[in-house]
Amino acid sequence: MNLEQMGQAARDAAYVLADSSTHTKNQALLVMADALEAAAERILAANQQDLTAARESGISESMLDRLMLNPERLTAIANDVRNVVSLPDPVGSELDSRVLENGMRLSRRRVPLGVVGVIYEARPNVTIDIAALCLKTGNASILRGGRETFNTNQELVKVIQQALAASQLPEAAVQYISEPGREWVSGLLKLDQYVDMIIPRGGANLHKLCKEQATIPVIIGGFGIGHMFVDDSADVVRAIAVIDNAKTQRPSVCNTIDTLLVHEAIAATILPLLSQRMAEKGVQLVADEGSLALLSAGPASVRAAGEGDFDTEWLGLTLGVKLVSDVNAALAHLRQHNASHSDAILTNSMTSAERFINGAPSAAVYVNASTRFTDGAQFGLGAEVAVSTQKLHARGPMGLEELTSYKWIGQADYLIRS
């Protein structure tokens, strides 16, 4: 492999994609979706190889869940690609326009970013999500998945490139760095002659590496401590169901909650119910001093919180619990403990809800809803490239529009400046 050659090929492919019609791109996506289902046996066999190797290496259960594909998940991935086809193509649309006093019509038109580099860990669905969204928006992509998904990603990229070729589009529109060494990541981060944006999807260490080494703009996302605050006005019984969903529906992903903040006025009522439900779901509770006694009286597994526990993204069946005096104290905790992804309040008070919405520093904020909805497909974006937790260009699930920029278009009748 040669990164310079990959970069040049991606840049050339991006020029072709930028001039391709929506119909051409959609047809390629439909071919890709059908090809994924046709190659299911091959893809799942490769995934089993990765799962076996991952288990032998002692990988955690939460990471195994991220890595695993089965027929249902593969069908869902193919259907997500078809859903992207049904979405409007943002490329070429006008953001605004006006006619200047000199007669020039001035507008801003959406255009592709160009070449997107994505570095991610044990999530094979990300390979397809990125390829589909980048293709729809006319962007070429260079992908670097984790070693845990090596065999699966090799098969997925073969399917993608075969679909591109069958659709008369350049195979280099989606390329994959298959070499395992970290030096290839460092090389991609400095390929600014060809790559327009880097999107890391992984833990804090990956984001830190990209921020420190990249000579290309980096979109930071996918990491953050998820919080849910139960206000004293909340419906306690209904709140338990939302807490359960936000923690256990799929505990290995980044939009689950890591910390539950409970208004001290309702602690004696809700914590016994919480202990019962979390015991049923096998969740270990990590309790602050205020909640420890109440939780220890229940059936759930409980331990006292230690240093760093409320700064931990658990990615599994562990939940921190802390008592707070009011919504302002909850917001103070969020700001101190890396609330940047998805956070929620359960309340029947409009005042508390608005205070939380305005004060939470998160990319996605919910009132009386599970944080598990922070997802491109759930938001109606078709899929997502990442969940951005920074504040520039894009925030939250990054769908089609977030993969575009714009250019100014001036149209006139042989106009000159006086």
Protein backbone atom coordinates (compact mmCIF):
# COMPACT_ATOMS: atom_id res chain seq x y z
CA MET A 1 0.00 0.00 0.00
CA ASN A 2 1.04 3.57 -0.68
CA LEU A 3 -0.85 6.34 1.11
CA GLU A 4 0.15 8.97 -1.43
CA GLN A 5 -1.29 6.84 -4.22
CA MET A 6 -4.45 6.16 -2.19
CA GLY A 7 -4.86 9.87 -1.54
CA GLN A 8 -4.43 10.79 -5.20
CA ALA A 9 -6.86 8.06 -6.27
CA ALA A 10 -9.39 9.27 -3.71
CA ARG A 11 -9.03 12.87 -4.89
CA ASP A 12 -9.55 11.80 -8.53
CA ALA A 13 -12.59 9.74 -7.51
CA ALA A 14 -14.00 12.70 -5.58
CA TYR A 15 -13.93 14.81 -8.75
CA VAL A 16 -15.97 12.13 -10.55
CA LEU A 17 -18.46 11.82 -7.70
CA ALA A 18 -18.90 15.60 -7.46
CA ASP A 19 -20.13 15.59 -11.05
CA SER A 20 -22.33 12.50 -10.71
CA SER A 21 -26.10 12.78 -10.73
CA THR A 22 -28.30 11.85 -7.80
CA HIS A 23 -29.74 9.02 -9.91
CA THR A 24 -26.29 7.55 -10.55
CA LYS A 25 -25.35 7.69 -6.86
CA ASN A 26 -28.68 6.20 -5.77
CA GLN A 27 -28.37 3.33 -8.23
CA ALA A 28 -24.93 2.53 -6.86
CA LEU A 29 -26.34 2.49 -3.33
CA LEU A 30 -29.13 0.11 -4.33
CA VAL A 31 -26.58 -2.21 -5.96
CA MET A 32 -24.53 -2.03 -2.77
CA ALA A 33 -27.49 -2.95 -0.56
CA ASP A 34 -28.41 -5.94 -2.73
CA ALA A 35 -24.78 -7.04 -2.89
CA LEU A 36 -24.48 -6.99 0.92
CA GLU A 37 -27.37 -9.41 1.25
CA ALA A 38 -26.07 -11.58 -1.58
CA ALA A 39 -22.67 -11.83 0.11
CA ALA A 40 -24.13 -12.45 3.57
CA GLU A 41 -22.63 -15.93 3.97
CA ARG A 42 -19.14 -14.68 3.12
CA ILE A 43 -19.41 -11.58 5.33
CA LEU A 44 -20.74 -13.49 8.34
CA ALA A 45 -18.03 -16.16 7.99
CA ALA A 46 -15.39 -13.42 8.06
CA ASN A 47 -17.10 -11.87 11.08
CA GLN A 48 -16.95 -15.21 12.90
CA GLN A 49 -13.18 -15.26 12.31
CA ASP A 50 -12.93 -11.82 13.91
CA LEU A 51 -15.15 -12.82 16.83
CA THR A 52 -13.07 -15.93 17.51
CA ALA A 53 -9.82 -13.97 17.46
CA ALA A 54 -11.35 -11.28 19.67
CA ARG A 55 -12.49 -13.80 22.29
CA GLU A 56 -9.05 -15.42 22.32
CA SER A 57 -7.49 -12.02 22.92
CA GLY A 58 -9.75 -11.43 25.95
CA ILE A 59 -11.77 -8.57 24.47
CA SER A 60 -14.64 -7.29 26.62
CA GLU A 61 -18.25 -8.37 26.14
CA SER A 62 -19.27 -4.82 25.21
CA MET A 63 -16.68 -4.74 22.42
CA LEU A 64 -17.75 -8.18 21.24
CA ASP A 65 -21.30 -6.88 20.92
CA ARG A 66 -20.08 -3.96 18.81
CA LEU A 67 -18.09 -6.31 16.61
CA MET A 68 -20.75 -8.96 16.07
CA LEU A 69 -22.78 -9.28 12.89
CA ASN A 70 -25.67 -11.69 12.44
CA PRO A 71 -28.22 -12.08 9.62
CA GLU A 72 -30.61 -9.61 11.26
CA ARG A 73 -27.95 -6.95 11.76
CA LEU A 74 -26.65 -7.37 8.22
CA THR A 75 -30.17 -7.04 6.80
CA ALA A 76 -30.67 -3.90 8.90
CA ILE A 77 -27.41 -2.45 7.54
CA ALA A 78 -28.52 -3.13 3.95
CA ASN A 79 -31.89 -1.51 4.68
CA ASP A 80 -30.12 1.54 6.12
CA VAL A 81 -28.35 1.90 2.77
CA ARG A 82 -31.71 1.73 0.97
CA ASN A 83 -33.03 4.35 3.36
CA VAL A 84 -30.20 6.69 2.37
CA VAL A 85 -31.42 6.36 -1.23
CA SER A 86 -34.83 7.69 -0.18
CA LEU A 87 -33.37 10.83 1.41
CA PRO A 88 -33.00 14.10 -0.50
CA ASP A 89 -29.56 14.69 -1.98
CA PRO A 90 -28.24 17.91 -0.41
CA VAL A 91 -25.58 18.43 -3.09
CA GLY A 92 -26.52 21.24 -5.44
CA SER A 93 -29.25 22.67 -3.24
CA GLU A 94 -29.17 26.40 -2.54
CA LEU A 95 -28.89 27.62 1.03
CA ASP A 96 -29.97 31.15 0.11
CA SER A 97 -29.82 33.63 -2.75
CA ARG A 98 -30.30 37.32 -3.43
CA VAL A 99 -29.81 39.84 -6.23
CA LEU A 100 -27.31 42.59 -5.50
CA GLU A 101 -27.75 46.23 -6.53
CA ASN A 102 -25.31 45.70 -9.39
CA GLY A 103 -27.54 42.97 -10.84
CA MET A 104 -25.50 39.96 -9.77
CA ARG A 105 -27.47 37.01 -8.44
CA LEU A 106 -25.48 35.69 -5.47
CA SER A 107 -26.20 32.31 -3.90
CA ARG A 108 -24.65 29.64 -1.70
CA ARG A 109 -24.78 26.11 -3.07
CA ARG A 110 -24.07 22.88 -1.19
CA VAL A 111 -21.05 20.93 -2.46
CA PRO A 112 -19.21 17.78 -1.29
CA LEU A 113 -16.34 18.14 1.16
CA GLY A 114 -14.09 16.11 -1.14
CA VAL A 115 -12.17 13.28 0.59
CA VAL A 116 -13.12 12.12 4.10
CA GLY A 117 -10.82 9.98 6.23
CA VAL A 118 -12.49 7.95 8.96
CA ILE A 119 -10.65 6.04 11.71
CA TYR A 120 -12.81 3.75 13.81
CA GLU A 121 -12.74 0.71 16.06
CA ALA A 122 -14.75 -2.50 16.35
CA ARG A 123 -17.91 -1.42 14.51
CA PRO A 124 -18.26 -3.11 11.09
CA ASN A 125 -21.55 -1.31 10.42
CA VAL A 126 -19.56 1.95 10.38
CA THR A 127 -17.84 0.79 7.19
CA ILE A 128 -21.15 0.67 5.35
CA ASP A 129 -22.62 3.77 6.97
CA ILE A 130 -19.64 5.88 5.94
CA ALA A 131 -19.48 4.48 2.44
CA ALA A 132 -23.21 5.07 1.88
CA LEU A 133 -23.35 8.59 3.25
CA CYS A 134 -20.15 9.68 1.54
CA LEU A 135 -21.28 8.26 -1.78
CA LYS A 136 -24.68 9.97 -1.55
CA THR A 137 -22.97 13.32 -0.89
CA GLY A 138 -20.33 12.89 -3.58
CA ASN A 139 -17.40 12.39 -1.21
CA ALA A 140 -14.62 9.84 -1.58
CA SER A 141 -13.55 8.10 1.63
CA ILE A 142 -10.45 6.44 3.05
CA LEU A 143 -11.30 4.10 5.91
CA ARG A 144 -9.19 2.63 8.69
CA GLY A 145 -11.01 0.18 10.96
CA GLY A 146 -9.67 -1.52 14.05
CA ARG A 147 -7.72 -4.75 13.91
CA GLU A 148 -10.66 -6.50 15.61
CA THR A 149 -12.76 -6.12 12.45
CA PHE A 150 -10.03 -6.87 9.90
CA ASN A 151 -11.62 -9.85 8.13
CA THR A 152 -15.15 -8.42 8.23
CA ASN A 153 -14.09 -5.07 6.81
CA GLN A 154 -12.07 -6.70 4.05
CA GLU A 155 -15.22 -8.47 2.84
CA LEU A 156 -17.42 -5.40 3.24
CA VAL A 157 -15.06 -3.21 1.22
CA LYS A 158 -14.91 -5.85 -1.54
CA VAL A 159 -18.70 -5.69 -1.79
CA ILE A 160 -18.67 -1.88 -1.83
CA GLN A 161 -16.02 -1.65 -4.54
CA GLN A 162 -17.74 -4.27 -6.67
CA ALA A 163 -20.96 -2.26 -6.43
CA LEU A 164 -19.13 0.92 -7.45
CA ALA A 165 -17.56 -0.79 -10.45
CA ALA A 166 -20.91 -2.27 -11.50
CA SER A 167 -22.36 1.25 -11.35
CA GLN A 168 -19.61 2.78 -13.51
CA LEU A 169 -18.15 4.72 -10.60
CA PRO A 170 -14.49 4.60 -9.51
CA GLU A 171 -13.66 1.85 -7.02
CA ALA A 172 -11.25 4.28 -5.35
CA ALA A 173 -14.27 6.25 -4.12
CA VAL A 174 -14.10 3.94 -1.08
CA GLN A 175 -10.66 2.68 -0.01
CA TYR A 176 -9.54 0.78 3.06
CA ILE A 177 -6.21 0.87 4.88
CA SER A 178 -5.71 -2.81 5.66
CA GLU A 179 -2.22 -2.61 7.15
CA PRO A 180 -2.36 -2.98 10.96
CA GLY A 181 0.48 -0.68 12.06
CA ARG A 182 -0.20 2.57 13.90
CA GLU A 183 2.12 4.35 11.46
CA TRP A 184 -0.60 4.09 8.80
CA VAL A 185 -2.96 6.05 11.04
CA SER A 186 -0.30 8.70 11.59
CA GLY A 187 0.29 8.84 7.84
CA LEU A 188 -3.40 9.33 7.10
CA LEU A 189 -3.59 12.14 9.65
CA LYS A 190 -0.95 14.05 7.69
CA LEU A 191 -2.33 13.42 4.19
CA ASP A 192 -3.63 16.99 3.97
CA GLN A 193 -2.71 17.30 0.29
CA TYR A 194 -5.60 14.97 -0.50
CA VAL A 195 -7.86 14.52 2.56
CA ASP A 196 -10.27 17.30 3.58
CA MET A 197 -11.58 16.02 6.90
CA ILE A 198 -10.74 13.36 9.50
CA ILE A 199 -13.50 11.74 11.57
CA PRO A 200 -12.36 9.49 14.44
CA ARG A 201 -14.90 7.09 15.93
CA GLY A 202 -13.62 5.53 19.11
CA GLY A 203 -12.47 6.26 22.62
CA ALA A 204 -10.73 9.22 24.17
CA ASN A 205 -7.25 7.94 23.24
CA LEU A 206 -8.08 7.87 19.54
CA HIS A 207 -9.51 11.39 19.65
CA LYS A 208 -6.44 12.63 21.52
CA LEU A 209 -4.14 11.06 18.92
CA CYS A 210 -6.04 12.67 16.06
CA LYS A 211 -6.12 16.11 17.67
CA GLU A 212 -2.40 16.00 18.40
CA GLN A 213 -1.12 14.57 15.11
CA ALA A 214 -3.54 15.62 12.38
CA THR A 215 -2.67 18.36 9.90
CA ILE A 216 -6.26 18.06 8.62
CA PRO A 217 -9.45 19.38 10.29
CA VAL A 218 -10.79 16.78 12.77
CA ILE A 219 -14.41 16.27 13.80
CA ILE A 220 -14.40 15.03 17.39
CA GLY A 221 -17.27 12.84 18.49
CA GLY A 222 -18.59 9.55 19.78
CA PHE A 223 -17.27 9.96 23.33
CA GLY A 224 -18.83 11.56 26.36
CA ILE A 225 -20.28 10.61 29.71
CA GLY A 226 -24.04 10.12 29.32
CA HIS A 227 -26.22 11.50 32.12
CA MET A 228 -29.88 11.35 33.10
CA PHE A 229 -31.32 13.61 35.81
CA VAL A 230 -34.54 12.63 37.59
CA ASP A 231 -36.19 15.82 38.86
CA ASP A 232 -38.36 15.85 41.99
CA SER A 233 -41.46 16.40 39.83
CA ALA A 234 -40.90 13.31 37.67
CA ASP A 235 -43.34 10.40 37.43
CA VAL A 236 -41.19 7.90 39.33
CA VAL A 237 -42.74 4.71 37.96
CA ARG A 238 -42.51 5.84 34.33
CA ALA A 239 -39.02 7.22 34.95
CA ILE A 240 -37.73 3.73 35.86
CA ALA A 241 -38.69 2.40 32.42
CA VAL A 242 -36.82 5.24 30.66
CA ILE A 243 -33.74 4.76 32.86
CA ASP A 244 -33.81 1.04 32.11
CA ASN A 245 -33.98 1.65 28.36
CA ALA A 246 -31.21 4.24 28.42
CA LYS A 247 -28.91 1.88 30.32
CA THR A 248 -29.71 -1.67 29.18
CA GLN A 249 -31.31 -1.58 25.71
CA ARG A 250 -27.80 -1.81 24.22
CA PRO A 251 -25.24 -1.03 26.92
CA SER A 252 -22.13 -1.21 24.73
CA VAL A 253 -22.83 1.91 22.68
CA CYS A 254 -22.03 5.56 23.25
CA ASN A 255 -25.59 6.90 23.69
CA THR A 256 -26.32 4.86 26.81
CA ILE A 257 -26.23 6.60 30.18
CA ASP A 258 -23.25 6.24 32.48
CA THR A 259 -24.48 8.35 35.41
CA LEU A 260 -27.94 8.74 36.94
CA LEU A 261 -28.46 11.95 38.90
CA VAL A 262 -31.42 11.82 41.32
CA HIS A 263 -33.08 14.74 43.10
CA GLU A 264 -32.55 14.08 46.79
CA ALA A 265 -36.20 14.83 47.57
CA ILE A 266 -37.35 11.65 45.79
CA ALA A 267 -34.37 9.41 46.56
CA ALA A 268 -36.21 7.32 49.16
CA THR A 269 -39.00 6.64 46.65
CA ILE A 270 -37.13 5.95 43.44
CA LEU A 271 -33.90 4.26 44.55
CA PRO A 272 -35.56 1.05 45.86
CA LEU A 273 -37.41 0.76 42.53
CA LEU A 274 -34.16 1.40 40.66
CA SER A 275 -32.34 -1.28 42.66
CA GLN A 276 -35.04 -3.83 41.86
CA ARG A 277 -35.04 -3.08 38.10
CA MET A 278 -31.25 -2.96 37.81
CA ALA A 279 -30.93 -6.26 39.70
CA GLU A 280 -33.27 -7.85 37.17
CA LYS A 281 -31.07 -6.58 34.34
CA GLY A 282 -27.73 -7.47 35.93
CA VAL A 283 -26.54 -3.87 36.28
CA GLN A 284 -23.95 -3.02 38.91
CA LEU A 285 -24.57 0.29 40.65
CA VAL A 286 -21.72 2.60 41.65
CA ALA A 287 -23.15 4.86 44.34
CA ASP A 288 -22.08 8.16 45.86
CA GLU A 289 -22.22 8.62 49.63
CA GLY A 290 -25.76 9.98 49.56
CA SER A 291 -27.29 7.09 47.62
CA LEU A 292 -25.18 4.20 48.93
CA ALA A 293 -27.28 3.28 51.97
CA LEU A 294 -30.60 3.34 50.12
CA LEU A 295 -29.25 1.29 47.23
CA SER A 296 -27.42 -1.20 49.45
CA ALA A 297 -30.75 -2.10 51.07
CA GLY A 298 -32.04 -3.37 47.72
CA PRO A 299 -31.24 -6.46 45.64
CA ALA A 300 -28.88 -4.82 43.11
CA SER A 301 -25.11 -5.22 43.22
CA VAL A 302 -23.74 -1.97 44.68
CA ARG A 303 -20.33 -0.56 45.48
CA ALA A 304 -19.19 2.84 46.70
CA ALA A 305 -18.03 5.25 44.01
CA GLY A 306 -14.32 5.92 43.87
CA GLU A 307 -12.13 8.51 42.21
CA GLY A 308 -12.80 8.74 38.49
CA ASP A 309 -15.98 6.66 38.48
CA PHE A 310 -18.16 9.60 37.43
CA ASP A 311 -15.71 10.29 34.60
CA THR A 312 -15.98 6.76 33.21
CA GLU A 313 -17.83 5.81 30.04
CA TRP A 314 -18.83 2.33 31.17
CA LEU A 315 -19.88 0.82 27.80
CA GLY A 316 -21.43 -2.04 29.76
CA LEU A 317 -23.80 -2.95 32.58
CA THR A 318 -22.53 -0.47 35.17
CA LEU A 319 -24.33 2.70 36.25
CA GLY A 320 -23.13 5.50 38.51
CA VAL A 321 -25.76 6.99 40.85
CA LYS A 322 -25.50 10.34 42.62
CA LEU A 323 -27.93 12.50 44.61
CA VAL A 324 -28.18 16.21 43.78
CA SER A 325 -30.15 19.04 45.36
CA ASP A 326 -31.80 20.47 42.22
CA VAL A 327 -31.49 20.99 38.46
CA ASN A 328 -28.70 23.53 38.92
CA ALA A 329 -26.63 21.01 40.88
CA ALA A 330 -27.29 18.44 38.15
CA LEU A 331 -26.06 20.86 35.49
CA ALA A 332 -22.96 21.62 37.56
CA HIS A 333 -22.19 17.89 37.63
CA LEU A 334 -22.65 17.63 33.85
CA ARG A 335 -20.24 20.47 33.20
CA GLN A 336 -17.62 18.96 35.48
CA HIS A 337 -17.87 15.43 34.11
CA ASN A 338 -17.65 15.65 30.32
CA ALA A 339 -21.29 15.92 29.30
CA SER A 340 -20.85 16.39 25.57
CA HIS A 341 -22.77 13.56 23.89
CA SER A 342 -26.33 12.76 25.07
CA ASP A 343 -28.00 13.83 28.30
CA ALA A 344 -31.60 13.81 29.55
CA ILE A 345 -33.93 15.15 32.20
CA LEU A 346 -37.04 13.35 33.47
CA THR A 347 -39.43 15.97 34.82
CA ASN A 348 -43.00 17.26 34.84
CA SER A 349 -41.81 20.82 35.34
CA MET A 350 -41.57 23.04 32.28
CA THR A 351 -39.25 25.37 34.18
CA SER A 352 -36.83 22.56 35.05
CA ALA A 353 -36.97 21.21 31.50
CA GLU A 354 -36.08 24.57 29.93
CA ARG A 355 -33.36 25.17 32.51
CA PHE A 356 -31.81 21.80 31.64
CA ILE A 357 -32.12 22.32 27.88
CA ASN A 358 -30.43 25.71 28.06
CA GLY A 359 -27.75 24.68 30.54
CA ALA A 360 -26.67 21.24 29.38
CA PRO A 361 -23.47 21.39 27.26
CA SER A 362 -24.41 18.27 25.30
CA ALA A 363 -24.79 17.72 21.55
CA ALA A 364 -28.20 16.10 22.16
CA VAL A 365 -30.52 16.91 25.07
CA TYR A 366 -33.73 15.04 25.87
CA VAL A 367 -36.77 15.78 28.01
CA ASN A 368 -38.64 12.67 29.20
CA ALA A 369 -36.98 10.41 26.64
CA SER A 370 -34.18 7.87 26.51
CA THR A 371 -30.75 8.96 25.31
CA ARG A 372 -30.71 5.92 23.02
CA PHE A 373 -32.33 8.02 20.29
CA THR A 374 -29.05 9.81 19.45
CA ASP A 375 -28.58 7.94 16.21
CA GLY A 376 -28.65 8.97 12.56
CA ALA A 377 -31.34 6.48 11.59
CA GLN A 378 -33.52 7.41 14.60
CA PHE A 379 -33.18 11.09 13.71
CA GLY A 380 -34.33 10.39 10.15
CA LEU A 381 -30.86 11.00 8.67
CA GLY A 382 -30.69 7.50 7.16
CA ALA A 383 -27.45 6.64 8.93
CA GLU A 384 -24.57 8.53 10.47
CA VAL A 385 -20.86 8.96 9.94
CA ALA A 386 -20.32 9.91 13.58
CA VAL A 387 -21.89 11.74 16.49
CA SER A 388 -20.04 15.04 16.72
CA THR A 389 -19.54 16.41 20.22
CA GLN A 390 -17.69 19.54 19.17
CA LYS A 391 -19.33 22.89 18.49
CA LEU A 392 -18.09 23.85 15.02
CA HIS A 393 -19.52 22.78 11.62
CA ALA A 394 -21.55 19.80 12.87
CA ARG A 395 -23.10 18.64 16.15
CA GLY A 396 -24.82 15.41 17.08
CA PRO A 397 -25.43 12.65 14.51
CA MET A 398 -23.67 13.60 11.26
CA GLY A 399 -25.83 12.75 8.28
CA LEU A 400 -25.86 13.96 4.69
CA GLU A 401 -25.86 17.72 5.19
CA GLU A 402 -22.94 17.53 7.62
CA LEU A 403 -20.84 15.92 4.88
CA THR A 404 -21.22 18.96 2.64
CA SER A 405 -19.78 22.44 2.54
CA TYR A 406 -20.90 25.26 0.28
CA LYS A 407 -19.53 27.58 -2.35
CA TRP A 408 -20.62 31.06 -3.35
CA ILE A 409 -22.08 31.33 -6.86
CA GLY A 410 -22.21 34.73 -8.58
CA GLN A 411 -24.21 34.95 -11.83
CA ALA A 412 -24.44 38.11 -13.93
CA ASP A 413 -24.53 39.48 -17.50
CA TYR A 414 -20.86 40.19 -18.28
CA LEU A 415 -20.65 42.35 -15.16
CA ILE A 416 -17.50 44.27 -14.27
CA ARG A 417 -16.58 46.01 -11.03
CA SER A 418 -16.34 49.78 -11.27
